[in-house]
Amino acid sequence: MSTSKFIAAPMLGAALLAACGLVGASSHREAPFITTVPKVDATDFYMFRSYEPGREDYVTLIANYQPLQDAYGGPNYFKMDANALYEIHVDNNGDAKEDISFQFRFQNTLANNGAGVALPIGGKMVAIPLTQAGQVANVADGNLNVGESFTLNVMRGDRRKGTGAAATAASGGGTRFAKPADNIGTKTIPDYAGYAAKHVHTVNLPGCAMPAKVFVGQRQDPFAVNLGAIFDLVNAPLSVITDPALIGAAPNTIGDKNVTTLALEVHKSCLTAGDEPVVGGWTTASLRQARLLDGSPQAGLQTSEKAGGAWVQVSRLGMPLVNEVVIGLKDKDRFNASKPAGDGQFADYVTNPTLPALLEIALAIPGTAPTNFPRNDLVTTFLTGIPGVNQPRNVVASEMLRLNTGIAPVPFEQQNRLAIVGSLLSGGSDLAGFPNGRRPKDDVVDISLVAVMGGLCMANGDTNALGFGAACNPAAVPLKETAFKLHDAVDQAVVPLLPAFPYLNTPVPGAQ
C-alpha cells in the first residue's frame, strides 16, 4: 500500500465522517455488533484545554457512552456494565500507540450487603422492585436500592502489558468512587445538579504531581443533529443547508436524550512527553472474550452472565462520525475492534470515499465533489494534524483526536462554533477547537462539511497557502465559495452546557 494511500484513508474518513454534516449522532449505534451491547457503545469523545477560569492549564477528556437514553427509562435506568472495561487512551509521541490509558471499571451493588431495600409486608420483609425507596439527596443515600461506583486505573505503555496503578482519592486515599444515580425525576432528586456535583472527585493519579478531577454520571447528550432527516437521504431542501441564515432551522432531535459521561480533568504536564506539546486521544470499550448465561441465576444484579477470558475491544472512537458515515458497512465491526496503528487497512474508504457520491445522490447535486485526489487536504487536517497547529513532530498517520496543549483555551463566550475553520474564514484567532481537539461547542458537522466539500482547498488557493499541495486549489472545488456556507441546519452552539467541569449539562429528568 502506498504511503499516500495509507495516509489518506483513515483521514478522509475522519473528515468525511463529519464531512457529511448530515450525519446521525456523532457515533450512536454506528456498527452492527455494537447495537446489541448499548452499554459499551461510545457516542462522542472530547479533548480540550479547560476553559473554566483558573483551570486553563488542565486538559479535559470526556468519553460518552450509552446513546439515546430516554430519561424515563426506569426502573433500572442506565447503569454501566460491570463486565466491561472502558478506556481513554493518550498517545503523546505521535506513534499511533497508547502511552497512557485511563481505565474505568464499574460495580453495581444492592443495598444492605446485597439483600437490597426491603419493606415489611404482611409480617415478611420483601425486596422492593425499584432503584429507590424514597427521595435521594446524597452520595450513598440510604434510599438508594443500588449503589453505583467505579475504579480508575492508570496504565502506562501498552494497555494490557504496561505498568498500571490505581488513582486514589485526594482525601482519604480510597480507590473506589461513587457514581450518582441517573436523573429519575424531580420528586426523587429535587436538586439533581447539586446531587451530581457531590460526585466530582479530586484524585491523585499515579505518575502525576498535580491532582486531577473525575466525574462519571449521566448528562444531557451534548451533540446536536436532526437525526431522522439525516438518515432519510438528507430529507431537507438543499436551500436550507446552503443558506447561513438558516443555521438552526432544523430541530435537534436528540436534545431530550441523555448519555453516560466519563470525564477527566488532568494537568497538561501529566499528559505530554518531553517537549512535544501535541497529544492524541481516543476512547474504547472492551468485553470479555467469553460469557456463560445461567438459566437459573442467583439473586442479585446481573447474575445471569458469567464473563471470562481476554478483553476484546468492541468500541472505538476518536474523531467524530468516522465509523458512522465513512467506513463501509461490512467493515464497521472491524473498525471498532481496531487500533490507530492499523488504520492502513481502511485506506480505500478514504482514498475512494463513497460519502461525497452519496451526498450528491441524496441532495440531487451531481458533480459537486472535489476532484483533488488523493485528498491530501483532508489527510493533513484530520489524519496527521495541521503543521504548526496540532501535528506531532514524528506523526504516524492514524485516526484520533489531536490536541496541541500549548495553545491557550478560549473563553466560552468567545469560542467560534466553527473553531479553526471559522477563524480562517473570519480572520479570527480561535485555534483551540476542532480539529485541534474538540470542545462541546464546536460544530463538528459543519466544520467537516466545509472541509470535505473543498472549503480548505478554496482557502489554500493557487498559491498553496496552507501547504495542502498544488492539486488542492479552487479549480478542484466545483462548489467554489458555496463550500464555505454548508451546514446541517442544526445549531450546535445553542446546546446547553455548564461553565465548568464536567462541562456537559445536567441530564434531562425522567419526570418534571
Protein backbone atom coordinates (compact mmCIF):
# COMPACT_ATOMS: atom_id res chain seq x y z
CA MET A 1 0.00 0.00 0.00
CA SER A 2 1.47 3.34 -0.98
CA THR A 3 2.21 5.92 1.71
CA SER A 4 -0.21 8.40 0.19
CA LYS A 5 -2.99 5.83 0.15
CA PHE A 6 -2.33 4.86 3.76
CA ILE A 7 -2.42 8.45 4.91
CA ALA A 8 -5.48 9.46 3.00
CA ALA A 9 -7.55 6.62 4.26
CA PRO A 10 -8.49 7.00 7.88
CA MET A 11 -8.08 10.67 7.47
CA LEU A 12 -10.58 11.16 4.81
CA GLY A 13 -12.69 9.06 6.99
CA ALA A 14 -12.44 11.48 9.77
CA ALA A 15 -13.11 14.35 7.55
CA LEU A 16 -15.85 12.73 5.65
CA LEU A 17 -17.29 11.29 8.65
CA ALA A 18 -18.19 14.64 9.85
CA ALA A 19 -18.00 15.54 6.35
CA CYS A 20 -21.50 14.91 5.59
CA GLY A 21 -22.75 17.23 8.20
CA LEU A 22 -25.66 15.18 7.50
CA VAL A 23 -24.86 12.54 9.83
CA GLY A 24 -26.53 10.93 12.68
CA ALA A 25 -25.43 11.42 16.18
CA SER A 26 -21.68 11.53 16.38
CA SER A 27 -21.21 7.80 16.89
CA HIS A 28 -24.50 6.44 18.14
CA ARG A 29 -25.36 2.85 17.13
CA GLU A 30 -22.81 3.08 14.30
CA ALA A 31 -21.93 -0.61 13.77
CA PRO A 32 -23.94 -3.85 13.64
CA PHE A 33 -22.50 -5.56 16.72
CA ILE A 34 -22.44 -2.50 18.96
CA THR A 35 -26.21 -2.15 18.61
CA THR A 36 -26.52 -5.40 20.58
CA VAL A 37 -24.47 -4.11 23.53
CA PRO A 38 -25.52 -0.45 24.02
CA LYS A 39 -23.85 -0.18 27.44
CA VAL A 40 -20.45 -0.14 25.72
CA ASP A 41 -21.45 1.99 22.73
CA ALA A 42 -19.29 5.15 22.68
CA THR A 43 -21.17 8.19 21.37
CA ASP A 44 -18.74 11.13 21.50
CA PHE A 45 -15.19 11.93 22.57
CA TYR A 46 -13.99 15.42 23.56
CA MET A 47 -10.49 16.63 24.41
CA PHE A 48 -9.71 20.29 25.03
CA ARG A 49 -7.82 22.75 27.21
CA SER A 50 -10.16 23.56 30.09
CA TYR A 51 -11.72 27.00 29.71
CA GLU A 52 -13.09 27.25 33.25
CA PRO A 53 -11.37 30.31 34.82
CA GLY A 54 -8.41 29.21 36.90
CA ARG A 55 -8.21 25.76 35.26
CA GLU A 56 -6.65 26.76 31.95
CA ASP A 57 -3.52 24.60 32.45
CA TYR A 58 -5.66 21.47 32.57
CA VAL A 59 -6.94 19.26 29.76
CA THR A 60 -10.47 17.87 29.90
CA LEU A 61 -11.16 14.47 28.37
CA ILE A 62 -14.78 13.36 28.03
CA ALA A 63 -15.96 9.97 26.77
CA ASN A 64 -19.70 9.45 26.42
CA TYR A 65 -21.43 6.06 26.30
CA GLN A 66 -24.93 4.54 26.06
CA PRO A 67 -26.66 6.55 23.32
CA LEU A 68 -30.21 7.80 23.03
CA GLN A 69 -31.17 7.36 26.68
CA ASP A 70 -34.78 8.27 27.29
CA ALA A 71 -34.85 9.94 30.69
CA TYR A 72 -37.93 7.94 31.70
CA GLY A 73 -36.16 4.60 31.12
CA GLY A 74 -36.83 3.06 34.53
CA PRO A 75 -36.93 1.19 36.71
CA ASN A 76 -33.34 0.09 36.05
CA TYR A 77 -32.24 3.15 34.05
CA PHE A 78 -28.75 3.13 32.52
CA LYS A 79 -26.17 1.69 34.86
CA MET A 80 -22.75 0.93 33.40
CA ASP A 81 -21.71 -2.64 32.62
CA ALA A 82 -19.75 -4.24 35.46
CA ASN A 83 -18.42 -6.83 33.00
CA ALA A 84 -16.87 -4.23 30.67
CA LEU A 85 -13.67 -2.20 30.53
CA TYR A 86 -13.94 1.44 29.47
CA GLU A 87 -10.75 3.27 28.47
CA ILE A 88 -9.46 6.67 27.36
CA HIS A 89 -6.11 6.40 25.58
CA VAL A 90 -3.46 9.08 25.07
CA ASP A 91 -0.60 8.98 22.54
CA ASN A 92 1.99 11.61 23.50
CA ASN A 93 4.73 10.95 20.93
CA GLY A 94 2.81 10.66 17.65
CA ASP A 95 3.46 6.95 17.00
CA ALA A 96 -0.23 5.93 16.91
CA LYS A 97 0.14 3.80 20.04
CA GLU A 98 -1.21 4.47 23.52
CA ASP A 99 1.27 5.78 26.09
CA ILE A 100 -1.29 6.41 28.85
CA SER A 101 -4.62 4.63 29.30
CA PHE A 102 -7.23 5.65 31.85
CA GLN A 103 -9.20 2.51 32.66
CA PHE A 104 -12.67 2.57 34.25
CA ARG A 105 -14.34 -0.47 35.84
CA PHE A 106 -17.80 -0.38 37.42
CA GLN A 107 -19.58 -2.09 40.27
CA ASN A 108 -23.32 -2.05 40.95
CA THR A 109 -24.25 -3.29 44.41
CA LEU A 110 -27.58 -3.90 46.09
CA ALA A 111 -28.00 -2.12 49.41
CA ASN A 112 -27.78 -3.92 52.74
CA ASN A 113 -24.90 -6.16 51.72
CA GLY A 114 -26.64 -7.43 48.64
CA ALA A 115 -30.05 -8.04 50.15
CA GLY A 116 -31.47 -4.77 48.80
CA VAL A 117 -34.00 -2.46 50.38
CA ALA A 118 -36.98 -4.38 51.79
CA LEU A 119 -40.32 -3.37 53.27
CA PRO A 120 -42.44 -5.19 55.90
CA ILE A 121 -45.37 -6.70 54.02
CA GLY A 122 -47.79 -8.88 56.00
CA GLY A 123 -45.15 -9.81 58.51
CA LYS A 124 -42.47 -10.50 55.93
CA MET A 125 -39.58 -8.35 54.69
CA VAL A 126 -39.90 -8.19 50.90
CA ALA A 127 -37.40 -6.64 48.47
CA ILE A 128 -38.67 -3.57 46.60
CA PRO A 129 -38.76 -3.56 42.76
CA LEU A 130 -37.37 -0.03 42.26
CA THR A 131 -33.98 1.69 42.22
CA GLN A 132 -35.05 3.96 45.06
CA ALA A 133 -37.20 3.74 48.16
CA GLY A 134 -37.63 7.48 48.65
CA GLN A 135 -36.10 10.85 47.95
CA VAL A 136 -32.36 10.92 47.17
CA ALA A 137 -30.01 13.79 48.04
CA ASN A 138 -26.58 12.49 49.00
CA VAL A 139 -23.76 10.20 47.95
CA ALA A 140 -24.63 6.62 49.04
CA ASP A 141 -28.07 7.84 50.13
CA GLY A 142 -29.89 5.28 52.30
CA ASN A 143 -32.91 5.39 49.99
CA LEU A 144 -30.93 4.06 47.04
CA ASN A 145 -31.54 0.39 46.41
CA VAL A 146 -28.48 0.18 44.15
CA GLY A 147 -25.11 1.76 44.84
CA GLU A 148 -23.04 2.54 41.74
CA SER A 149 -19.28 3.00 41.93
CA PHE A 150 -16.13 2.77 39.82
CA THR A 151 -12.37 2.43 39.97
CA LEU A 152 -9.86 4.32 37.83
CA ASN A 153 -6.58 2.70 36.87
CA VAL A 154 -3.76 4.50 35.04
CA MET A 155 -1.82 2.24 32.68
CA ARG A 156 1.45 3.44 31.15
CA GLY A 157 2.67 1.83 27.96
CA ASP A 158 0.70 -0.92 26.28
CA ARG A 159 -2.85 -1.04 27.63
CA ARG A 160 -2.56 -4.73 28.54
CA LYS A 161 1.17 -5.26 29.12
CA GLY A 162 2.23 -1.91 30.57
CA THR A 163 2.56 -0.77 34.16
CA GLY A 164 -0.63 0.21 35.97
CA ALA A 165 -1.65 1.69 39.30
CA ALA A 166 -4.90 2.89 40.81
CA ALA A 167 -5.95 6.52 41.13
CA THR A 168 -6.66 7.44 44.75
CA ALA A 169 -8.93 9.97 46.41
CA ALA A 170 -7.06 13.14 47.36
CA SER A 171 -8.88 12.97 50.69
CA GLY A 172 -8.69 9.58 52.39
CA GLY A 173 -6.78 7.69 49.71
CA GLY A 174 -9.61 5.38 48.69
CA THR A 175 -9.64 3.74 45.28
CA ARG A 176 -13.41 3.38 44.74
CA PHE A 177 -15.51 6.37 43.74
CA ALA A 178 -19.26 6.89 43.89
CA LYS A 179 -21.32 7.43 40.76
CA PRO A 180 -24.63 9.32 41.01
CA ALA A 181 -27.89 7.60 40.18
CA ASP A 182 -29.45 8.67 36.90
CA ASN A 183 -31.88 11.59 36.89
CA ILE A 184 -35.01 9.63 37.80
CA GLY A 185 -37.12 12.76 38.22
CA THR A 186 -37.62 15.89 40.28
CA LYS A 187 -39.59 14.17 43.03
CA THR A 188 -36.87 11.58 43.66
CA ILE A 189 -33.95 14.02 43.25
CA PRO A 190 -35.24 17.61 43.51
CA ASP A 191 -31.78 19.21 43.11
CA TYR A 192 -30.06 16.94 40.64
CA ALA A 193 -27.34 19.46 39.77
CA GLY A 194 -26.36 19.75 43.42
CA TYR A 195 -26.60 16.00 43.94
CA ALA A 196 -24.40 15.23 40.93
CA ALA A 197 -21.83 17.87 41.95
CA LYS A 198 -21.13 15.83 45.10
CA HIS A 199 -19.77 13.13 42.79
CA VAL A 200 -16.98 15.25 41.28
CA HIS A 201 -13.93 13.62 42.85
CA THR A 202 -10.48 15.13 43.31
CA VAL A 203 -7.96 12.34 42.76
CA ASN A 204 -4.25 11.67 42.72
CA LEU A 205 -3.08 9.99 39.53
CA PRO A 206 -0.01 7.76 39.75
CA GLY A 207 2.90 9.43 38.00
CA CYS A 208 1.27 12.86 38.06
CA ALA A 209 2.31 15.58 40.50
CA MET A 210 -0.89 17.58 40.09
CA PRO A 211 -4.28 16.43 41.43
CA ALA A 212 -6.95 15.69 38.84
CA LYS A 213 -10.74 15.65 38.78
CA VAL A 214 -13.00 12.80 37.71
CA PHE A 215 -16.76 12.59 37.24
CA VAL A 216 -18.79 9.69 35.95
CA GLY A 217 -22.53 10.07 35.59
CA GLN A 218 -25.49 10.80 33.37
CA ARG A 219 -25.51 14.02 31.30
CA GLN A 220 -27.70 15.56 28.64
CA ASP A 221 -26.41 14.49 25.22
CA PRO A 222 -24.27 17.46 24.07
CA PHE A 223 -24.34 16.55 20.37
CA ALA A 224 -26.89 18.27 18.13
CA VAL A 225 -28.33 16.70 14.97
CA ASN A 226 -31.58 16.33 13.06
CA LEU A 227 -31.24 12.58 13.28
CA GLY A 228 -34.27 11.25 11.44
CA ALA A 229 -33.97 13.56 8.44
CA ILE A 230 -30.26 12.89 8.04
CA PHE A 231 -30.60 9.15 7.57
CA ASP A 232 -33.67 9.62 5.36
CA LEU A 233 -31.38 10.61 2.48
CA VAL A 234 -30.87 14.07 3.98
CA ASN A 235 -34.57 14.85 3.90
CA ALA A 236 -34.25 18.65 3.79
CA PRO A 237 -34.27 21.21 0.96
CA LEU A 238 -30.83 21.98 -0.46
CA SER A 239 -31.55 25.68 0.05
CA VAL A 240 -31.67 25.10 3.79
CA ILE A 241 -28.15 23.72 4.06
CA THR A 242 -26.54 26.34 1.83
CA ASP A 243 -28.06 29.44 3.45
CA PRO A 244 -26.04 30.55 6.53
CA ALA A 245 -29.08 32.43 7.78
CA LEU A 246 -30.88 29.12 8.26
CA ILE A 247 -28.45 27.62 10.77
CA GLY A 248 -30.78 26.41 13.50
CA ALA A 249 -33.73 25.95 11.16
CA ALA A 250 -33.87 22.20 11.83
CA PRO A 251 -34.65 20.67 15.24
CA ASN A 252 -32.08 18.93 17.39
CA THR A 253 -33.94 15.64 17.61
CA ILE A 254 -31.68 14.22 20.33
CA GLY A 255 -31.92 17.28 22.57
CA ASP A 256 -34.11 15.34 25.02
CA LYS A 257 -31.76 12.35 25.23
CA ASN A 258 -29.12 11.58 27.85
CA VAL A 259 -25.76 9.78 27.76
CA THR A 260 -23.40 8.48 30.43
CA THR A 261 -20.22 10.54 30.74
CA LEU A 262 -16.72 9.56 31.84
CA ALA A 263 -14.92 12.87 32.41
CA LEU A 264 -11.36 13.57 33.50
CA GLU A 265 -9.56 16.86 34.04
CA VAL A 266 -5.79 16.30 34.05
CA HIS A 267 -2.94 18.81 34.21
CA LYS A 268 -1.41 19.10 30.74
CA SER A 269 2.04 18.25 32.12
CA CYS A 270 0.72 14.82 33.08
CA LEU A 271 -0.27 14.01 29.50
CA THR A 272 2.66 15.27 27.44
CA ALA A 273 6.12 13.73 26.99
CA GLY A 274 9.34 15.70 26.70
CA ASP A 275 8.97 18.88 24.67
CA GLU A 276 6.22 17.53 22.39
CA PRO A 277 3.06 19.57 23.18
CA VAL A 278 0.68 17.56 20.96
CA VAL A 279 -1.24 14.61 22.35
CA GLY A 280 -3.63 12.29 20.56
CA GLY A 281 -6.62 10.67 22.19
CA TRP A 282 -9.36 8.12 21.62
CA THR A 283 -11.72 6.03 23.70
CA THR A 284 -12.52 2.32 23.62
CA ALA A 285 -14.68 -0.26 25.38
CA SER A 286 -13.93 -3.96 25.73
CA LEU A 287 -15.83 -7.07 26.79
CA ARG A 288 -14.60 -10.44 27.96
CA GLN A 289 -14.00 -12.93 25.17
CA ALA A 290 -16.49 -15.44 26.53
CA ARG A 291 -19.66 -15.42 28.55
CA LEU A 292 -21.86 -18.09 30.04
CA LEU A 293 -25.54 -17.44 30.56
CA ASP A 294 -27.04 -19.05 33.63
CA GLY A 295 -30.57 -20.30 33.11
CA SER A 296 -31.17 -20.22 36.86
CA PRO A 297 -29.40 -17.05 38.01
CA GLN A 298 -28.86 -16.30 41.67
CA ALA A 299 -30.44 -13.31 43.38
CA GLY A 300 -28.54 -10.08 42.85
CA LEU A 301 -27.58 -7.80 39.96
CA GLN A 302 -26.50 -9.08 36.53
CA THR A 303 -26.00 -12.62 37.81
CA SER A 304 -27.33 -14.21 34.61
CA GLU A 305 -23.99 -13.57 32.90
CA LYS A 306 -20.65 -15.08 33.83
CA ALA A 307 -17.89 -13.42 31.81
CA GLY A 308 -14.33 -14.62 31.35
CA GLY A 309 -11.32 -14.74 29.06
CA ALA A 310 -9.24 -11.97 27.50
CA TRP A 311 -10.54 -8.46 26.89
CA VAL A 312 -11.86 -7.92 23.35
CA GLN A 313 -12.28 -4.35 22.09
CA VAL A 314 -15.74 -3.76 20.63
CA SER A 315 -15.94 0.04 20.50
CA ARG A 316 -13.52 2.73 19.31
CA LEU A 317 -13.97 6.46 18.89
CA GLY A 318 -11.56 9.31 18.23
CA MET A 319 -12.65 11.79 15.57
CA PRO A 320 -16.43 12.16 15.44
CA LEU A 321 -18.54 10.35 12.84
CA VAL A 322 -15.80 8.22 11.24
CA ASN A 323 -17.28 4.77 11.65
CA GLU A 324 -20.79 6.09 11.26
CA VAL A 325 -20.54 7.60 7.78
CA VAL A 326 -17.11 6.74 6.35
CA ILE A 327 -16.36 3.08 6.99
CA GLY A 328 -18.25 0.61 4.79
CA LEU A 329 -20.97 -1.39 6.48
CA LYS A 330 -19.07 -4.66 6.06
CA ASP A 331 -16.07 -3.28 7.99
CA LYS A 332 -17.76 -1.32 10.78
CA ASP A 333 -17.30 -4.03 13.41
CA ARG A 334 -13.69 -4.46 12.24
CA PHE A 335 -13.03 -0.74 12.71
CA ASN A 336 -14.47 -0.83 16.23
CA ALA A 337 -12.03 -3.64 17.06
CA SER A 338 -9.00 -1.93 15.52
CA LYS A 339 -6.20 0.29 16.83
CA PRO A 340 -4.90 3.51 15.26
CA ALA A 341 -1.59 1.86 14.31
CA GLY A 342 -3.51 -0.47 11.97
CA ASP A 343 -5.58 2.11 10.15
CA GLY A 344 -3.97 1.34 6.80
CA GLN A 345 -6.49 -1.49 6.34
CA PHE A 346 -9.24 1.09 5.88
CA ALA A 347 -7.37 3.14 3.27
CA ASP A 348 -9.84 2.67 0.40
CA TYR A 349 -12.63 4.28 2.41
CA VAL A 350 -10.54 7.45 2.48
CA THR A 351 -8.83 7.48 -0.88
CA ASN A 352 -12.03 6.42 -2.69
CA PRO A 353 -14.76 7.65 -0.37
CA THR A 354 -18.40 6.91 -1.04
CA LEU A 355 -19.80 9.69 1.10
CA PRO A 356 -19.43 12.53 -1.43
CA ALA A 357 -21.21 10.39 -4.02
CA LEU A 358 -23.96 9.56 -1.54
CA LEU A 359 -24.30 13.24 -0.75
CA GLU A 360 -24.65 14.06 -4.43
CA ILE A 361 -27.36 11.42 -4.77
CA ALA A 362 -29.25 12.43 -1.64
CA LEU A 363 -29.29 16.13 -2.49
CA ALA A 364 -29.51 15.73 -6.27
CA ILE A 365 -26.40 17.80 -6.80
CA PRO A 366 -24.20 15.78 -9.20
CA GLY A 367 -20.70 16.98 -9.96
CA THR A 368 -20.16 18.78 -6.65
CA ALA A 369 -17.47 16.57 -5.06
CA PRO A 370 -13.89 17.90 -5.03
CA THR A 371 -11.55 16.30 -7.58
CA ASN A 372 -8.17 16.72 -5.87
CA PHE A 373 -7.27 13.05 -5.42
CA PRO A 374 -5.75 11.88 -3.20
CA ARG A 375 -7.46 14.22 -0.72
CA ASN A 376 -4.27 15.45 0.95
CA ASP A 377 -6.11 18.45 2.35
CA LEU A 378 -8.21 16.10 4.46
CA VAL A 379 -5.21 13.93 5.30
CA THR A 380 -3.42 16.92 6.80
CA THR A 381 -6.46 18.32 8.56
CA PHE A 382 -7.77 15.14 10.11
CA LEU A 383 -5.24 12.30 9.95
CA THR A 384 -1.85 13.79 10.71
CA GLY A 385 -2.79 17.09 12.26
CA ILE A 386 -2.16 20.55 10.81
CA PRO A 387 1.51 21.66 10.70
CA GLY A 388 2.08 24.43 13.19
CA VAL A 389 -1.20 23.70 14.94
CA ASN A 390 -1.61 20.09 16.12
CA GLN A 391 0.75 17.87 14.12
CA PRO A 392 3.28 15.95 16.24
CA ARG A 393 6.89 16.09 15.05
CA ASN A 394 7.07 12.36 14.32
CA VAL A 395 3.47 11.69 13.41
CA VAL A 396 2.23 8.34 12.16
CA ALA A 397 -0.93 8.84 10.13
CA SER A 398 -3.86 7.47 12.09
CA GLU A 399 -7.38 8.32 13.19
CA MET A 400 -7.60 10.04 16.59
CA LEU A 401 -8.25 13.45 18.07
CA ARG A 402 -5.06 15.53 18.32
CA LEU A 403 -4.68 18.47 20.70
CA ASN A 404 -1.84 20.97 20.98
CA THR A 405 -1.67 21.53 24.73
CA GLY A 406 0.45 24.62 24.11
CA ILE A 407 -2.42 26.55 22.53
CA ALA A 408 -4.27 28.55 25.17
CA PRO A 409 -8.00 27.93 25.66
CA VAL A 410 -10.57 30.46 24.51
CA PRO A 411 -13.32 31.56 26.96
CA PHE A 412 -16.67 30.01 26.12
CA GLU A 413 -18.30 33.29 25.06
CA GLN A 414 -15.50 33.96 22.57
CA GLN A 415 -15.35 30.49 21.05
CA ASN A 416 -16.08 30.32 17.34
CA ARG A 417 -18.51 27.46 16.72
CA LEU A 418 -16.51 26.66 13.56
CA ALA A 419 -13.23 26.85 15.52
CA ILE A 420 -10.21 26.86 13.18
CA VAL A 421 -12.31 26.90 10.02
CA GLY A 422 -14.35 29.81 11.38
CA SER A 423 -11.20 31.72 12.26
CA LEU A 424 -9.83 31.06 8.80
CA LEU A 425 -12.95 32.50 7.23
CA SER A 426 -13.33 35.47 9.57
CA GLY A 427 -9.73 36.35 10.30
CA GLY A 428 -10.18 35.37 13.94
CA SER A 429 -7.77 33.62 16.26
CA ASP A 430 -9.63 30.64 17.75
CA LEU A 431 -7.22 27.74 17.22
CA ALA A 432 -8.28 25.94 20.41
CA GLY A 433 -11.09 23.88 18.86
CA PHE A 434 -11.83 21.15 16.33
CA PRO A 435 -9.91 19.67 14.61
CA ASN A 436 -7.38 20.79 17.25
CA GLY A 437 -9.05 18.60 19.86
CA ARG A 438 -12.78 19.04 20.25
CA ARG A 439 -14.87 21.22 22.57
CA PRO A 440 -18.57 20.65 23.31
CA LYS A 441 -19.48 23.87 21.48
CA ASP A 442 -17.59 23.00 18.28
CA ASP A 443 -19.96 22.33 15.39
CA VAL A 444 -18.00 19.36 14.07
CA VAL A 445 -20.60 18.52 11.44
CA ASP A 446 -20.45 21.93 9.80
CA ILE A 447 -16.67 22.15 10.12
CA SER A 448 -16.25 18.81 8.42
CA LEU A 449 -18.79 19.63 5.73
CA VAL A 450 -16.76 22.68 4.75
CA ALA A 451 -13.54 20.66 4.75
CA VAL A 452 -14.78 17.61 2.88
CA MET A 453 -16.50 19.60 0.16
CA GLY A 454 -13.35 21.58 -0.55
CA GLY A 455 -13.57 24.68 1.59
CA LEU A 456 -10.00 24.35 2.77
CA CYS A 457 -8.82 23.90 -0.81
CA MET A 458 -10.50 27.19 -1.62
CA ALA A 459 -8.59 28.79 1.24
CA ASN A 460 -5.38 27.07 0.08
CA GLY A 461 -5.72 28.78 -3.29
CA ASP A 462 -3.40 28.63 -6.27
CA THR A 463 -0.52 29.78 -4.08
CA ASN A 464 -0.71 26.67 -1.84
CA ALA A 465 -1.05 28.98 1.16
CA LEU A 466 -1.90 26.16 3.56
CA GLY A 467 0.62 23.67 2.22
CA PHE A 468 -2.02 21.20 1.03
CA GLY A 469 -0.37 20.70 -2.37
CA ALA A 470 -0.93 22.04 -5.85
CA ALA A 471 -3.86 19.71 -6.50
CA CYS A 472 -5.78 21.35 -3.67
CA ASN A 473 -6.85 24.62 -5.23
CA PRO A 474 -10.09 26.35 -6.29
CA ALA A 475 -10.08 24.52 -9.63
CA ALA A 476 -10.63 21.25 -7.73
CA VAL A 477 -13.71 22.57 -5.91
CA PRO A 478 -16.91 22.61 -8.01
CA LEU A 479 -18.86 24.32 -5.23
CA LYS A 480 -16.38 27.24 -5.06
CA GLU A 481 -17.38 29.71 -2.32
CA THR A 482 -20.56 27.77 -1.59
CA ALA A 483 -18.35 25.19 0.17
CA PHE A 484 -17.85 27.74 2.96
CA LYS A 485 -21.59 28.05 3.51
CA LEU A 486 -22.54 24.42 4.07
CA HIS A 487 -24.24 23.45 7.33
CA ASP A 488 -26.68 20.85 8.60
CA ALA A 489 -29.36 23.35 9.68
CA VAL A 490 -28.86 22.41 13.36
CA ASP A 491 -27.00 24.87 15.60
CA GLN A 492 -24.53 23.05 17.86
CA ALA A 493 -23.63 26.32 19.60
CA VAL A 494 -27.00 26.61 21.37
CA VAL A 495 -26.84 23.23 23.13
CA PRO A 496 -26.96 23.92 26.91
CA LEU A 497 -23.63 23.39 28.67
CA LEU A 498 -22.08 24.07 32.08
CA PRO A 499 -19.36 26.71 32.50
CA ALA A 500 -17.08 24.38 34.47
CA PHE A 501 -16.07 20.74 34.80
CA PRO A 502 -17.62 18.40 33.75
CA TYR A 503 -19.00 20.96 31.26
CA LEU A 504 -21.84 18.80 29.95
CA ASN A 505 -25.30 19.80 31.08
CA THR A 506 -27.40 18.29 33.86
CA PRO A 507 -29.33 15.34 32.37
CA VAL A 508 -32.96 15.57 31.37
CA PRO A 509 -35.13 14.28 34.25
CA GLY A 510 -37.42 11.30 33.82
CA ALA A 511 -40.31 13.31 35.26
CA GLN A 512 -40.66 17.03 35.82
